[in-house]
Protein backbone atom coordinates (compact mmCIF):
# COMPACT_ATOMS: atom_id res chain seq x y z
CA MET A 1 134.44 -48.77 -72.03
CA ASP A 2 131.87 -49.76 -74.68
CA THR A 3 132.37 -49.32 -78.45
CA GLY A 4 130.15 -46.34 -79.16
CA ARG A 5 131.60 -44.52 -76.03
CA ARG A 6 135.12 -45.05 -77.34
CA ARG A 7 134.40 -43.92 -80.90
CA LYS A 8 132.93 -40.67 -79.15
CA ASP A 9 136.11 -40.17 -77.09
CA GLU A 10 138.45 -40.80 -80.23
CA SER A 11 136.08 -38.35 -82.14
CA LYS A 12 137.62 -35.49 -79.85
CA MET A 13 141.33 -36.46 -79.89
CA PRO A 14 143.57 -34.01 -81.85
CA ILE A 15 144.64 -34.95 -85.44
CA LYS A 16 148.03 -35.01 -86.94
CA ILE A 17 148.22 -32.53 -89.64
CA GLY A 18 151.62 -32.50 -90.72
CA GLU A 19 154.93 -31.23 -89.27
CA VAL A 20 156.93 -28.11 -88.57
CA GLU A 21 158.94 -27.53 -91.54
CA ALA A 22 160.65 -24.10 -90.44
CA LEU A 23 161.02 -21.68 -87.65
CA PHE A 24 161.40 -17.86 -87.96
CA ARG A 25 161.75 -15.04 -85.46
CA TYR A 26 162.31 -11.48 -86.24
CA PRO A 27 164.27 -9.52 -83.69
CA VAL A 28 163.60 -5.95 -85.29
CA LYS A 29 160.03 -5.46 -86.45
CA SER A 30 160.05 -5.34 -89.97
CA MET A 31 163.52 -6.33 -90.44
CA GLY A 32 164.84 -9.30 -91.56
CA GLY A 33 164.04 -12.84 -89.87
CA GLU A 34 166.36 -15.80 -88.66
CA PRO A 35 165.74 -19.35 -89.21
CA LEU A 36 165.86 -21.59 -86.32
CA GLU A 37 166.09 -25.18 -85.56
CA LEU A 38 164.72 -24.93 -81.98
CA ALA A 39 162.56 -21.75 -80.25
CA ASP A 40 161.06 -21.55 -76.79
CA LEU A 41 157.38 -20.38 -77.12
CA GLY A 42 156.29 -18.39 -74.25
CA TRP A 43 153.06 -16.35 -73.27
CA HIS A 44 154.04 -13.53 -75.68
CA GLY A 45 155.32 -15.48 -78.87
CA LEU A 46 158.67 -16.86 -79.67
CA ASP A 47 161.47 -15.96 -77.40
CA GLY A 48 163.21 -12.55 -79.08
CA ASP A 49 160.76 -12.38 -81.73
CA ARG A 50 159.71 -8.79 -82.43
CA ARG A 51 161.09 -7.38 -79.00
CA LEU A 52 162.65 -4.42 -81.17
CA ALA A 53 161.17 -1.87 -83.09
CA LEU A 54 162.09 1.62 -85.17
CA ARG A 55 159.57 4.20 -83.95
CA ARG A 56 159.09 7.39 -86.09
CA LEU A 57 159.53 10.40 -83.24
CA ASP A 58 157.29 12.52 -85.54
CA ASP A 59 154.25 9.95 -85.83
CA ARG A 60 151.61 10.38 -83.29
CA SER A 61 149.35 7.62 -84.92
CA GLY A 62 148.60 4.53 -83.14
CA PHE A 63 151.07 2.76 -85.52
CA PRO A 64 154.43 4.57 -84.90
CA TRP A 65 156.49 1.98 -86.06
CA LEU A 66 158.90 2.24 -89.28
CA THR A 67 158.19 -0.59 -91.52
CA ALA A 68 159.79 -1.74 -94.73
CA SER A 69 156.68 -0.96 -96.94
CA LYS A 70 157.59 2.74 -96.27
CA LEU A 71 161.28 2.28 -96.23
CA PRO A 72 162.71 -0.89 -98.20
CA GLU A 73 166.28 -0.17 -97.49
CA LEU A 74 165.15 -0.20 -93.76
CA ALA A 75 168.63 -1.76 -92.60
CA GLU A 76 170.77 1.01 -94.03
CA GLU A 77 171.12 4.54 -92.92
CA ILE A 78 167.95 4.49 -91.27
CA GLY A 79 167.23 8.08 -90.10
CA PRO A 80 168.64 10.04 -93.10
CA ARG A 81 166.69 7.45 -95.54
CA HIS A 82 163.29 8.01 -93.79
CA GLY A 83 164.00 11.80 -93.73
CA SER A 84 163.10 11.97 -89.96
CA ALA A 85 164.56 10.92 -86.61
CA VAL A 86 163.85 7.47 -85.39
CA GLU A 87 164.60 5.68 -82.24
CA MET A 88 164.97 1.92 -81.28
CA VAL A 89 162.45 0.77 -78.74
CA HIS A 90 162.47 -2.29 -76.99
CA VAL A 91 159.45 -3.72 -75.54
CA ASN A 92 159.49 -6.94 -73.48
CA ARG A 93 156.03 -8.29 -74.73
CA GLY A 94 156.93 -7.78 -78.13
CA ILE A 95 155.42 -5.46 -81.24
CA PHE A 96 152.65 -7.30 -83.09
CA ASP A 97 150.23 -6.40 -85.49
CA GLU A 98 147.57 -8.90 -84.56
CA ALA A 99 148.57 -12.02 -82.24
CA SER A 100 151.73 -13.10 -80.91
CA VAL A 101 152.25 -15.99 -83.45
CA SER A 102 151.86 -16.41 -87.39
CA LEU A 103 151.49 -19.64 -89.05
CA ILE A 104 151.40 -20.59 -92.69
CA THR A 105 151.90 -23.98 -94.39
CA SER A 106 153.96 -24.41 -97.32
CA THR A 107 151.55 -25.49 -99.83
CA THR A 108 149.59 -22.01 -99.44
CA VAL A 109 153.01 -20.13 -100.14
CA GLY A 110 153.46 -22.27 -103.20
CA GLU A 111 150.05 -21.65 -104.48
CA VAL A 112 150.19 -17.69 -104.01
CA GLY A 113 153.44 -17.94 -105.87
CA ARG A 114 152.09 -20.03 -108.42
CA LEU A 115 149.17 -17.81 -108.94
CA ALA A 116 151.33 -14.74 -108.95
CA ALA A 117 153.92 -16.14 -111.27
CA HIS A 118 156.67 -15.95 -108.69
CA HIS A 119 159.04 -18.35 -107.08
CA PRO A 120 157.40 -19.19 -103.92
CA ASP A 121 159.56 -17.84 -100.94
CA VAL A 122 158.17 -18.19 -97.41
CA ARG A 123 160.27 -15.21 -96.27
CA ARG A 124 157.69 -12.80 -98.04
CA PHE A 125 155.16 -13.96 -95.50
CA ARG A 126 157.30 -13.67 -92.40
CA PRO A 127 155.60 -16.42 -90.23
CA ASN A 128 156.85 -17.96 -86.95
CA ILE A 129 156.07 -21.14 -87.81
CA LEU A 130 155.88 -23.02 -91.40
CA ILE A 131 154.01 -26.08 -91.18
CA ALA A 132 154.58 -28.56 -94.15
CA SER A 133 150.75 -30.24 -94.27
CA SER A 134 149.99 -33.82 -94.62
CA ARG A 135 147.37 -33.00 -97.46
CA PRO A 136 148.42 -30.56 -100.14
CA VAL A 137 145.58 -28.26 -99.70
CA PRO A 138 146.46 -24.44 -100.26
CA PHE A 139 144.68 -22.33 -97.71
CA GLU A 140 143.89 -25.14 -95.42
CA GLU A 141 144.51 -22.73 -92.28
CA ASP A 142 141.31 -20.91 -92.90
CA ALA A 143 139.72 -24.22 -91.31
CA TRP A 144 141.95 -24.06 -88.14
CA VAL A 145 140.24 -20.72 -86.94
CA GLY A 146 138.70 -21.32 -83.59
CA GLY A 147 140.67 -24.50 -82.85
CA VAL A 148 144.19 -25.27 -80.97
CA LEU A 149 147.55 -26.46 -82.77
CA ALA A 150 149.89 -28.66 -80.73
CA PHE A 151 153.40 -29.25 -81.54
CA GLY A 152 155.25 -32.41 -80.47
CA ASP A 153 153.81 -35.60 -78.86
CA ALA A 154 154.50 -34.59 -75.16
CA GLU A 155 151.19 -34.46 -73.00
CA ASP A 156 152.09 -30.63 -72.25
CA ALA A 157 153.15 -29.87 -75.71
CA PRO A 158 153.20 -26.12 -76.59
CA ALA A 159 150.32 -25.11 -78.09
CA VAL A 160 148.72 -22.03 -79.90
CA TYR A 161 144.84 -20.85 -80.22
CA VAL A 162 144.29 -20.08 -83.79
CA THR A 163 142.43 -16.67 -83.64
CA ASN A 164 141.93 -15.40 -87.02
CA ARG A 165 143.18 -15.29 -90.50
CA ASP A 166 146.23 -13.25 -91.42
CA GLU A 167 145.15 -10.11 -93.24
CA ARG A 168 148.20 -9.38 -95.90
CA CYS A 169 149.89 -5.69 -96.40
CA ALA A 170 152.30 -4.53 -98.84
CA MET A 171 155.05 -6.53 -97.00
CA VAL A 172 154.15 -9.59 -99.44
CA ASN A 173 155.26 -7.70 -102.29
CA PHE A 174 158.97 -6.87 -101.04
CA ASP A 175 161.70 -9.49 -102.47
CA PRO A 176 163.68 -10.42 -99.21
CA ASP A 177 167.10 -10.41 -100.90
CA SER A 178 166.86 -7.34 -103.14
CA ALA A 179 163.88 -5.43 -101.33
CA HIS A 180 162.36 -5.20 -104.95
CA ALA A 181 158.53 -4.66 -104.76
CA ASP A 182 156.15 -6.43 -107.37
CA PRO A 183 152.79 -5.39 -106.49
CA GLU A 184 151.11 -8.49 -108.40
CA VAL A 185 151.82 -10.94 -105.28
CA LEU A 186 149.39 -8.84 -102.99
CA LYS A 187 147.09 -8.39 -105.60
CA THR A 188 146.87 -12.12 -106.12
CA ILE A 189 145.89 -12.54 -102.49
CA VAL A 190 143.41 -9.84 -102.69
CA ARG A 191 142.10 -11.38 -105.80
CA VAL A 192 141.63 -14.80 -104.85
CA ARG A 193 141.62 -15.12 -100.98
CA ASP A 194 140.17 -11.63 -99.92
CA ASN A 195 143.41 -10.58 -99.10
CA LYS A 196 144.03 -13.27 -96.43
CA ALA A 197 146.60 -15.93 -96.51
CA GLY A 198 147.82 -17.83 -93.42
CA VAL A 199 146.63 -17.36 -89.76
CA TYR A 200 147.42 -15.64 -86.53
CA GLY A 201 147.33 -17.22 -83.12
CA ALA A 202 147.81 -16.73 -79.22
CA VAL A 203 149.79 -18.89 -77.07
CA ALA A 204 147.64 -21.74 -75.26
CA GLY A 205 150.69 -23.67 -73.67
CA ARG A 206 154.17 -22.67 -73.53
CA GLY A 207 157.16 -25.00 -74.24
CA ARG A 208 159.81 -25.87 -76.76
CA LEU A 209 159.37 -25.62 -80.71
CA ALA A 210 161.23 -27.55 -82.97
CA VAL A 211 161.70 -28.34 -86.87
CA GLY A 212 160.41 -31.85 -87.71
CA GLN A 213 157.93 -31.78 -84.66
CA SER A 214 154.29 -33.24 -85.47
CA VAL A 215 151.72 -30.94 -85.30
CA TYR A 216 148.32 -31.84 -84.10
CA PHE A 217 144.93 -29.89 -84.92
CA GLU A 218 142.14 -29.97 -82.27
CA PRO A 219 138.97 -28.37 -83.81
CA ALA A 220 136.92 -25.93 -81.78
CA ALA A 221 133.83 -28.36 -82.06
CA ALA A 222 136.15 -30.90 -80.12
CA ARG A 223 137.49 -28.55 -77.48
CA ARG A 224 133.56 -27.31 -76.67
CA GLY A 225 132.51 -31.01 -76.25
CA ARG A 226 135.03 -31.78 -73.51
CA PRO A 227 134.04 -32.81 -69.80
């Protein structure tokens, strides 16, 4: 192969951008998450993620789920505290707001904490995958939209197609331990990032995720250039 052809092919190769710092799943939508060292990524997100939800029986809207933004003490005496009947619903494919996988870098979490004068806590952002980026650039995730993230060095590594930026809601205001709400967190994201922090993705390839895995990024332009 000549040098020019080799350079052209190398420009299409995925780029290592960091490592998996943490993994989380949330068995019940809007309730607390659990950290994982390993997780199986299926076509509908992480196995066991948001497969259960509390549905408000008197709500006929397109979003009947009871969330912590409506009831911070969601895990305690749910029905009486909400003031009307709720039921637990199980959905095999999960119950997601946008897409089945959410991702953010620890650098972005730290920057939001700094700007909002809060101790940075990734649990406020409720991601499935926290990435330790190789370069400390806040909101780096914006540049991933349209591309693909692959996890691990195997040829058939699990992968996520990055679909859109994550538009934040009042959930980021709640302290994960006390449920105390501070609106400054969401106000900060609205002010400096048009209410976007982190990204959503759809599963492009199934497989095993693990803390410490290398993360590779392939831009949309490189994928379009494939034969």
